[in-house]
Each structure stands twice: as structure tokens, then as C-alpha cells.
Amino acid sequence: MIPKKSAIVTGGGTGIGRAVAEELLAIGFEVVITGRRADVLKTTAAEIGAVPLDFDVTRPEQVEAALRELPATVHVLVNNAGGNTDIGRPPAATLADLRDSWTANFEANVIGAVLLTNALAERIADGGRIINISSIAARKGVDGYGAAKAAVETWTGQLARELGPRGITVNAIAPGLVDETGFFGGELPAAHRDVVLAHTPTGRLGLPADIAAVAGFLAGDRSGQLTGQVIPVDGGAE
């Protein structure tokens, strides 16, 4: 029997990460889902058939410890963990607050992906795939979160050039507003939903499955000549 290829999805317990993990499982990968909440990961893993591994990708010592349990060969790495750390946080009242806000977003969305990718660089198979999750915010602003996602996109291009000689492709997916996730820490504000829908040609919000479908294509054999790209999945909103 030919062994299955392995995939890692960070932030794989809920939302987009869970949907991507399910997609990769459906097309034949063995999938490790990672995150900071062991209980959430364990529940999701049992429901979809993935392997859970809880650790914080922004902490070097935790990444190094996790290497003992991560696959020896990685065919697909999906850097999905992150989010807008300003949500639920009071507006910055001082320069120190502003610094903390921007630093938190950069750490959550850039540092974690950079640390894990570099830790796994030698394990990524020739011909492998790296998929980074960006955001429409990289082009629309949104303070530190948008700037952090813009950095993810710049880094995606750099990695594509560095790893291309090994046949490894590196691309980013930039979702618009995606429903059925915990991104806003609760119910999506109705006013925000209405504004986004008014500027979305498809007339609906995205779903985690929309992002997962693109990730599934990027993870497959037919995407080998597509690298260094940012693919918007936003219903035309941007």
C-alpha cells in the first residue's frame, strides 16, 4: 500500500482551518491539526479524523518541542493560525497601547507562520506545497491586522523564489469576510455584514468551504506551475 501524504493545518480546530483540514482529508491526506486549545483540537480531530497536536506556533520553544511529534515528511503545510487581535480589545489610548496592538497582530499572523515554516523547511518534500492564509485586509488596510497580512503576502513571494528549485510551491489565499467562523469572537455585527454585502458582487458572504476548495486545489498535483500568488476568495469585494 502506498503511504498517504501528510499535511499540517495550523489553527485547524475551527472555522477556515477545520474546513481546510476536512478538504485535505477528503482528497487523501493524513492531516495534523494544530492550535492552542487542546480540548477544541481533540473534539475536532475525533469528528473529522485528523490528528491533534496542541502548541503555540508563536513560541519558539513550543515549536521546537512539537517537532518531535510532527510528521518526518510534510507534503502540505497550511499556515492558517492567526486573526485580528484587535477584536474585543479597547481602542489604543496611548502610543504604548498602539505598539502593543500592532505587535500582537504581527506576532499572531506573521511570526507564527514564519517560525513553523522555517522549523519544517528541511522536512517539506520536494514538490510539496505551502499555503498561507492572508486576507482582503492586506489591501484594504485595517490597521495592524491588514499590515500583518500584507507582510504574509510579501513573505509568500520570497518563499516561492527560495523553494521553487525544489519544486515546492508557495501561495496565499486572501479571503474576504467569511461567515460561520469565530473571527469576530461572537455574532458578526449586522451593520458590518450589510456594508460588506453591499460591496460584494456575488451577494453573499464567504464560507469556510469556499476557502477550503481553493486550498484543496493548491495542495494537489495540478497546481505545480502556480506559485508566489495571492488568490482572492472574496466574491469580488476587493
C-alpha atoms as a PDB file:
ATOM      1  CA  MET A   1       0.000   0.000   0.000  1.00  0.00           C
ATOM      2  CA  ILE A   2       1.285   3.470  -0.912  1.00  0.00           C
ATOM      3  CA  PRO A   3       1.506   5.584   2.270  1.00  0.00           C
ATOM      4  CA  LYS A   4      -0.667   8.658   2.414  1.00  0.00           C
ATOM      5  CA  LYS A   5       0.876  12.085   2.090  1.00  0.00           C
ATOM      6  CA  SER A   6       0.941  14.213   5.213  1.00  0.00           C
ATOM      7  CA  ALA A   7      -0.457  17.694   5.760  1.00  0.00           C
ATOM      8  CA  ILE A   8      -0.352  20.136   8.664  1.00  0.00           C
ATOM      9  CA  VAL A   9      -3.038  22.782   9.190  1.00  0.00           C
ATOM     10  CA  THR A  10      -2.391  25.364  11.896  1.00  0.00           C
ATOM     11  CA  GLY A  11      -5.426  26.765  13.648  1.00  0.00           C
ATOM     12  CA  GLY A  12      -7.210  23.660  12.450  1.00  0.00           C
ATOM     13  CA  GLY A  13      -9.738  23.289  15.230  1.00  0.00           C
ATOM     14  CA  THR A  14     -12.397  25.674  13.953  1.00  0.00           C
ATOM     15  CA  GLY A  15     -13.546  27.821  11.052  1.00  0.00           C
ATOM     16  CA  ILE A  16     -11.405  28.008   7.931  1.00  0.00           C
ATOM     17  CA  GLY A  17      -8.715  25.755   9.399  1.00  0.00           C
ATOM     18  CA  ARG A  18     -11.177  22.995  10.146  1.00  0.00           C
ATOM     19  CA  ALA A  19     -12.711  23.247   6.673  1.00  0.00           C
ATOM     20  CA  VAL A  20      -9.268  23.077   5.035  1.00  0.00           C
ATOM     21  CA  ALA A  21      -8.373  20.041   7.143  1.00  0.00           C
ATOM     22  CA  GLU A  22     -11.601  18.315   6.096  1.00  0.00           C
ATOM     23  CA  GLU A  23     -10.874  19.082   2.434  1.00  0.00           C
ATOM     24  CA  LEU A  24      -7.375  17.639   2.636  1.00  0.00           C
ATOM     25  CA  LEU A  25      -8.641  14.543   4.395  1.00  0.00           C
ATOM     26  CA  ALA A  26     -11.252  14.090   1.674  1.00  0.00           C
ATOM     27  CA  ILE A  27      -8.621  14.136  -1.074  1.00  0.00           C
ATOM     28  CA  GLY A  28      -6.445  11.575   0.667  1.00  0.00           C
ATOM     29  CA  PHE A  29      -4.023  13.303   3.013  1.00  0.00           C
ATOM     30  CA  GLU A  30      -3.246  12.374   6.580  1.00  0.00           C
ATOM     31  CA  VAL A  31      -3.784  15.631   8.445  1.00  0.00           C
ATOM     32  CA  VAL A  32      -2.352  17.021  11.663  1.00  0.00           C
ATOM     33  CA  ILE A  33      -4.315  19.961  13.053  1.00  0.00           C
ATOM     34  CA  THR A  34      -2.607  22.309  15.483  1.00  0.00           C
ATOM     35  CA  GLY A  35      -3.746  25.061  17.808  1.00  0.00           C
ATOM     36  CA  ARG A  36      -3.542  26.324  21.364  1.00  0.00           C
ATOM     37  CA  ARG A  37      -6.800  24.848  22.688  1.00  0.00           C
ATOM     38  CA  ALA A  38      -6.297  21.162  23.343  1.00  0.00           C
ATOM     39  CA  ASP A  39      -9.973  20.487  24.049  1.00  0.00           C
ATOM     40  CA  VAL A  40     -11.143  22.065  20.789  1.00  0.00           C
ATOM     41  CA  LEU A  41      -8.497  20.235  18.770  1.00  0.00           C
ATOM     42  CA  LYS A  42      -9.322  16.896  20.371  1.00  0.00           C
ATOM     43  CA  THR A  43     -13.040  17.276  19.628  1.00  0.00           C
ATOM     44  CA  THR A  44     -12.485  18.357  16.034  1.00  0.00           C
ATOM     45  CA  ALA A  45      -9.918  15.646  15.390  1.00  0.00           C
ATOM     46  CA  ALA A  46     -12.337  12.980  16.611  1.00  0.00           C
ATOM     47  CA  GLU A  47     -15.114  14.357  14.422  1.00  0.00           C
ATOM     48  CA  ILE A  48     -13.173  14.647  11.163  1.00  0.00           C
ATOM     49  CA  GLY A  49     -10.448  12.002  11.526  1.00  0.00           C
ATOM     50  CA  ALA A  50      -7.400  14.229  11.953  1.00  0.00           C
ATOM     51  CA  VAL A  51      -4.513  14.054  14.424  1.00  0.00           C
ATOM     52  CA  PRO A  52      -4.489  16.833  17.059  1.00  0.00           C
ATOM     53  CA  LEU A  53      -1.356  18.499  18.378  1.00  0.00           C
ATOM     54  CA  ASP A  54      -1.709  21.498  20.675  1.00  0.00           C
ATOM     55  CA  PHE A  55       1.062  24.084  20.755  1.00  0.00           C
ATOM     56  CA  ASP A  56       1.501  27.805  20.106  1.00  0.00           C
ATOM     57  CA  VAL A  57       3.235  28.487  16.797  1.00  0.00           C
ATOM     58  CA  THR A  58       4.373  31.921  18.022  1.00  0.00           C
ATOM     59  CA  ARG A  59       6.509  30.390  20.782  1.00  0.00           C
ATOM     60  CA  PRO A  60       9.876  29.051  19.535  1.00  0.00           C
ATOM     61  CA  GLU A  61      10.273  26.607  22.407  1.00  0.00           C
ATOM     62  CA  GLN A  62       6.831  25.120  21.752  1.00  0.00           C
ATOM     63  CA  VAL A  63       7.519  24.799  18.031  1.00  0.00           C
ATOM     64  CA  GLU A  64      10.810  23.042  18.745  1.00  0.00           C
ATOM     65  CA  ALA A  65       9.131  20.651  21.184  1.00  0.00           C
ATOM     66  CA  ALA A  66       6.346  19.905  18.688  1.00  0.00           C
ATOM     67  CA  LEU A  67       8.855  18.818  16.045  1.00  0.00           C
ATOM     68  CA  ARG A  68       9.182  15.505  17.860  1.00  0.00           C
ATOM     69  CA  GLU A  69       5.533  14.729  17.097  1.00  0.00           C
ATOM     70  CA  LEU A  70       5.072  16.343  13.702  1.00  0.00           C
ATOM     71  CA  PRO A  71       5.468  14.214  10.538  1.00  0.00           C
ATOM     72  CA  ALA A  72       9.005  13.456   9.405  1.00  0.00           C
ATOM     73  CA  THR A  73       7.982  14.390   5.864  1.00  0.00           C
ATOM     74  CA  VAL A  74       5.464  17.153   5.198  1.00  0.00           C
ATOM     75  CA  HIS A  75       3.788  17.374   1.806  1.00  0.00           C
ATOM     76  CA  VAL A  76       1.429  20.264   2.567  1.00  0.00           C
ATOM     77  CA  LEU A  77       1.731  22.994   5.188  1.00  0.00           C
ATOM     78  CA  VAL A  78      -1.205  25.360   5.657  1.00  0.00           C
ATOM     79  CA  ASN A  79      -0.362  28.411   7.765  1.00  0.00           C
ATOM     80  CA  ASN A  80      -3.867  29.349   8.842  1.00  0.00           C
ATOM     81  CA  ALA A  81      -3.453  30.312  12.515  1.00  0.00           C
ATOM     82  CA  GLY A  82      -3.934  33.999  13.214  1.00  0.00           C
ATOM     83  CA  GLY A  83      -6.656  36.609  13.281  1.00  0.00           C
ATOM     84  CA  ASN A  84      -7.290  40.224  14.116  1.00  0.00           C
ATOM     85  CA  THR A  85      -6.073  40.538  17.698  1.00  0.00           C
ATOM     86  CA  ASP A  86      -7.693  43.980  17.972  1.00  0.00           C
ATOM     87  CA  ILE A  87     -11.161  42.434  18.047  1.00  0.00           C
ATOM     88  CA  GLY A  88     -12.513  42.697  21.568  1.00  0.00           C
ATOM     89  CA  ARG A  89      -9.640  44.944  22.585  1.00  0.00           C
ATOM     90  CA  PRO A  90     -10.212  48.579  23.671  1.00  0.00           C
ATOM     91  CA  PRO A  91      -9.004  51.223  21.185  1.00  0.00           C
ATOM     92  CA  ALA A  92      -5.400  52.278  21.767  1.00  0.00           C
ATOM     93  CA  ALA A  93      -5.318  55.208  24.176  1.00  0.00           C
ATOM     94  CA  THR A  94      -1.540  55.669  24.242  1.00  0.00           C
ATOM     95  CA  LEU A  95       1.411  55.085  21.964  1.00  0.00           C
ATOM     96  CA  ALA A  96       2.312  52.102  24.110  1.00  0.00           C
ATOM     97  CA  ASP A  97      -1.157  50.671  23.529  1.00  0.00           C
ATOM     98  CA  LEU A  98      -0.766  51.245  19.789  1.00  0.00           C
ATOM     99  CA  ARG A  99       2.571  49.495  19.759  1.00  0.00           C
ATOM    100  CA  ASP A 100       1.111  46.541  21.629  1.00  0.00           C
ATOM    101  CA  SER A 101      -1.803  46.353  19.190  1.00  0.00           C
ATOM    102  CA  TRP A 102       0.378  46.253  16.102  1.00  0.00           C
ATOM    103  CA  THR A 103       2.910  43.911  17.692  1.00  0.00           C
ATOM    104  CA  ALA A 104       0.189  41.453  18.715  1.00  0.00           C
ATOM    105  CA  ASN A 105      -1.210  41.318  15.185  1.00  0.00           C
ATOM    106  CA  PHE A 106       2.239  40.837  13.665  1.00  0.00           C
ATOM    107  CA  GLU A 107       3.072  38.051  16.091  1.00  0.00           C
ATOM    108  CA  ALA A 108      -0.224  36.218  15.586  1.00  0.00           C
ATOM    109  CA  ASN A 109      -0.290  36.435  11.795  1.00  0.00           C
ATOM    110  CA  VAL A 110       3.344  36.551  10.683  1.00  0.00           C
ATOM    111  CA  ILE A 111       5.721  35.294  13.371  1.00  0.00           C
ATOM    112  CA  GLY A 112       3.904  32.015  13.984  1.00  0.00           C
ATOM    113  CA  ALA A 113       3.839  31.141  10.289  1.00  0.00           C
ATOM    114  CA  VAL A 114       7.493  32.103   9.824  1.00  0.00           C
ATOM    115  CA  LEU A 115       8.659  30.083  12.830  1.00  0.00           C
ATOM    116  CA  LEU A 116       6.836  26.889  11.925  1.00  0.00           C
ATOM    117  CA  THR A 117       7.705  27.073   8.238  1.00  0.00           C
ATOM    118  CA  ASN A 118      11.381  27.562   8.956  1.00  0.00           C
ATOM    119  CA  ALA A 119      11.347  24.780  11.557  1.00  0.00           C
ATOM    120  CA  LEU A 120       9.858  22.403   8.976  1.00  0.00           C
ATOM    121  CA  ALA A 121      11.809  23.607   5.939  1.00  0.00           C
ATOM    122  CA  GLU A 122      14.001  20.515   5.676  1.00  0.00           C
ATOM    123  CA  ARG A 123      11.000  18.207   6.157  1.00  0.00           C
ATOM    124  CA  ILE A 124       8.908  19.672   3.362  1.00  0.00           C
ATOM    125  CA  ALA A 125       9.028  17.208   0.500  1.00  0.00           C
ATOM    126  CA  ASP A 126      10.361  18.205  -2.880  1.00  0.00           C
ATOM    127  CA  GLY A 127       7.272  19.078  -4.879  1.00  0.00           C
ATOM    128  CA  GLY A 128       5.453  19.995  -1.666  1.00  0.00           C
ATOM    129  CA  ARG A 129       3.013  22.828  -1.044  1.00  0.00           C
ATOM    130  CA  ILE A 130       2.902  25.740   1.366  1.00  0.00           C
ATOM    131  CA  ILE A 131      -0.392  27.611   1.608  1.00  0.00           C
ATOM    132  CA  ASN A 132      -0.613  30.811   3.640  1.00  0.00           C
ATOM    133  CA  ILE A 133      -3.926  32.325   4.654  1.00  0.00           C
ATOM    134  CA  SER A 134      -3.918  36.089   4.120  1.00  0.00           C
ATOM    135  CA  SER A 135      -6.915  38.437   3.986  1.00  0.00           C
ATOM    136  CA  ILE A 136      -8.639  41.079   1.912  1.00  0.00           C
ATOM    137  CA  ALA A 137      -7.433  43.378   4.712  1.00  0.00           C
ATOM    138  CA  ALA A 138      -3.920  43.279   3.224  1.00  0.00           C
ATOM    139  CA  ARG A 139      -5.173  45.658   0.520  1.00  0.00           C
ATOM    140  CA  LYS A 140      -7.941  47.458   2.388  1.00  0.00           C
ATOM    141  CA  GLY A 141      -5.924  48.437   5.446  1.00  0.00           C
ATOM    142  CA  VAL A 142      -7.444  47.552   8.837  1.00  0.00           C
ATOM    143  CA  ASP A 143      -4.533  48.830  10.896  1.00  0.00           C
ATOM    144  CA  GLY A 144      -2.047  46.300  12.281  1.00  0.00           C
ATOM    145  CA  TYR A 145      -4.050  43.305  11.071  1.00  0.00           C
ATOM    146  CA  GLY A 146      -4.026  44.465   7.462  1.00  0.00           C
ATOM    147  CA  ALA A 147      -0.339  45.336   7.642  1.00  0.00           C
ATOM    148  CA  ALA A 148       0.446  41.908   9.070  1.00  0.00           C
ATOM    149  CA  LYS A 149      -1.438  40.142   6.278  1.00  0.00           C
ATOM    150  CA  ALA A 150       0.364  42.296   3.711  1.00  0.00           C
ATOM    151  CA  ALA A 151       3.605  41.045   5.246  1.00  0.00           C
ATOM    152  CA  VAL A 152       2.367  37.465   4.852  1.00  0.00           C
ATOM    153  CA  GLU A 153       1.836  38.104   1.146  1.00  0.00           C
ATOM    154  CA  THR A 154       5.299  39.613   0.682  1.00  0.00           C
ATOM    155  CA  TRP A 155       6.852  36.678   2.512  1.00  0.00           C
ATOM    156  CA  THR A 156       4.861  34.270   0.334  1.00  0.00           C
ATOM    157  CA  GLY A 157       6.619  35.652  -2.744  1.00  0.00           C
ATOM    158  CA  GLN A 158      10.010  35.382  -1.090  1.00  0.00           C
ATOM    159  CA  LEU A 159       9.436  31.754  -0.108  1.00  0.00           C
ATOM    160  CA  ALA A 160       8.238  30.908  -3.603  1.00  0.00           C
ATOM    161  CA  ARG A 161      11.546  32.115  -5.026  1.00  0.00           C
ATOM    162  CA  GLU A 162      13.619  30.363  -2.377  1.00  0.00           C
ATOM    163  CA  LEU A 163      11.859  26.991  -2.528  1.00  0.00           C
ATOM    164  CA  GLY A 164      10.949  26.884  -6.205  1.00  0.00           C
ATOM    165  CA  PRO A 165      14.124  24.996  -7.197  1.00  0.00           C
ATOM    166  CA  ARG A 166      12.864  22.099  -5.050  1.00  0.00           C
ATOM    167  CA  GLY A 167       9.538  22.062  -6.845  1.00  0.00           C
ATOM    168  CA  ILE A 168       7.808  23.471  -3.762  1.00  0.00           C
ATOM    169  CA  THR A 169       5.037  25.956  -4.471  1.00  0.00           C
ATOM    170  CA  VAL A 170       4.077  28.726  -2.070  1.00  0.00           C
ATOM    171  CA  ASN A 171       0.820  30.616  -2.442  1.00  0.00           C
ATOM    172  CA  ALA A 172      -1.536  32.669  -0.323  1.00  0.00           C
ATOM    173  CA  ILE A 173      -5.315  32.693  -0.191  1.00  0.00           C
ATOM    174  CA  ALA A 174      -6.898  36.047   0.691  1.00  0.00           C
ATOM    175  CA  PRO A 175     -10.462  35.580   1.944  1.00  0.00           C
ATOM    176  CA  GLY A 176     -12.979  38.355   2.198  1.00  0.00           C
ATOM    177  CA  LEU A 177     -15.471  38.302   5.036  1.00  0.00           C
ATOM    178  CA  VAL A 178     -16.162  34.660   5.887  1.00  0.00           C
ATOM    179  CA  ASP A 179     -19.291  33.604   7.751  1.00  0.00           C
ATOM    180  CA  GLU A 180     -19.567  30.672  10.174  1.00  0.00           C
ATOM    181  CA  THR A 181     -16.256  31.292  11.924  1.00  0.00           C
ATOM    182  CA  GLY A 182     -15.297  32.664  15.309  1.00  0.00           C
ATOM    183  CA  PHE A 183     -13.319  35.525  13.753  1.00  0.00           C
ATOM    184  CA  PHE A 184     -15.306  38.250  15.498  1.00  0.00           C
ATOM    185  CA  GLY A 185     -15.422  36.400  18.801  1.00  0.00           C
ATOM    186  CA  GLY A 186     -19.191  36.055  18.577  1.00  0.00           C
ATOM    187  CA  GLU A 187     -22.021  37.131  16.302  1.00  0.00           C
ATOM    188  CA  LEU A 188     -20.974  39.088  13.213  1.00  0.00           C
ATOM    189  CA  PRO A 189     -22.243  42.671  13.663  1.00  0.00           C
ATOM    190  CA  ALA A 190     -25.275  43.189  11.396  1.00  0.00           C
ATOM    191  CA  ALA A 191     -24.137  46.639  10.270  1.00  0.00           C
ATOM    192  CA  HIS A 192     -20.767  45.293   9.181  1.00  0.00           C
ATOM    193  CA  ARG A 193     -22.415  42.405   7.353  1.00  0.00           C
ATOM    194  CA  ASP A 194     -24.705  44.778   5.457  1.00  0.00           C
ATOM    195  CA  VAL A 195     -21.846  47.038   4.365  1.00  0.00           C
ATOM    196  CA  VAL A 196     -19.793  44.109   3.104  1.00  0.00           C
ATOM    197  CA  LEU A 197     -22.712  42.535   1.250  1.00  0.00           C
ATOM    198  CA  ALA A 198     -23.461  45.837  -0.455  1.00  0.00           C
ATOM    199  CA  HIS A 199     -19.961  45.746  -1.976  1.00  0.00           C
ATOM    200  CA  THR A 200     -19.829  42.028  -2.811  1.00  0.00           C
ATOM    201  CA  PRO A 201     -20.907  41.205  -6.385  1.00  0.00           C
ATOM    202  CA  THR A 202     -21.870  37.618  -5.527  1.00  0.00           C
ATOM    203  CA  GLY A 203     -24.333  38.939  -2.952  1.00  0.00           C
ATOM    204  CA  ARG A 204     -23.227  36.614  -0.170  1.00  0.00           C
ATOM    205  CA  LEU A 205     -20.514  36.206   2.426  1.00  0.00           C
ATOM    206  CA  GLY A 206     -17.846  33.594   2.006  1.00  0.00           C
ATOM    207  CA  LEU A 207     -17.955  30.249   3.760  1.00  0.00           C
ATOM    208  CA  PRO A 208     -15.054  28.196   5.127  1.00  0.00           C
ATOM    209  CA  ALA A 209     -15.745  25.651   2.381  1.00  0.00           C
ATOM    210  CA  ASP A 210     -15.018  28.295  -0.268  1.00  0.00           C
ATOM    211  CA  ILE A 211     -11.522  28.778   1.103  1.00  0.00           C
ATOM    212  CA  ALA A 212     -11.023  25.053   1.582  1.00  0.00           C
ATOM    213  CA  ALA A 213     -11.869  24.340  -2.056  1.00  0.00           C
ATOM    214  CA  VAL A 214      -9.057  26.619  -3.237  1.00  0.00           C
ATOM    215  CA  ALA A 215      -6.671  25.144  -0.678  1.00  0.00           C
ATOM    216  CA  GLY A 216      -7.518  21.681  -1.960  1.00  0.00           C
ATOM    217  CA  PHE A 217      -6.585  22.703  -5.496  1.00  0.00           C
ATOM    218  CA  LEU A 218      -3.332  24.325  -4.356  1.00  0.00           C
ATOM    219  CA  ALA A 219      -2.457  21.175  -2.422  1.00  0.00           C
ATOM    220  CA  GLY A 220      -2.896  18.955  -5.470  1.00  0.00           C
ATOM    221  CA  ASP A 221      -0.735  17.882  -8.374  1.00  0.00           C
ATOM    222  CA  ARG A 222      -2.397  20.175 -10.924  1.00  0.00           C
ATOM    223  CA  SER A 223      -1.219  23.384  -9.267  1.00  0.00           C
ATOM    224  CA  GLY A 224       2.502  22.801  -9.766  1.00  0.00           C
ATOM    225  CA  GLN A 225       3.054  25.826 -12.033  1.00  0.00           C
ATOM    226  CA  LEU A 226       1.183  28.207  -9.732  1.00  0.00           C
ATOM    227  CA  THR A 227       3.441  29.801  -7.135  1.00  0.00           C
ATOM    228  CA  GLY A 228       4.136  33.137  -5.496  1.00  0.00           C
ATOM    229  CA  GLN A 229       0.499  34.146  -5.994  1.00  0.00           C
ATOM    230  CA  VAL A 230      -2.194  35.681  -3.813  1.00  0.00           C
ATOM    231  CA  ILE A 231      -5.600  34.282  -4.701  1.00  0.00           C
ATOM    232  CA  PRO A 232      -8.556  36.369  -3.522  1.00  0.00           C
ATOM    233  CA  VAL A 233     -11.653  34.448  -2.459  1.00  0.00           C
ATOM    234  CA  ASP A 234     -13.941  37.331  -1.635  1.00  0.00           C
ATOM    235  CA  GLY A 235     -16.897  37.270  -4.033  1.00  0.00           C
ATOM    236  CA  GLY A 236     -15.405  40.218  -5.912  1.00  0.00           C
ATOM    237  CA  ALA A 237     -15.483  42.514  -2.895  1.00  0.00           C
ATOM    238  CA  GLU A 238     -11.906  43.710  -3.468  1.00  0.00           C
END
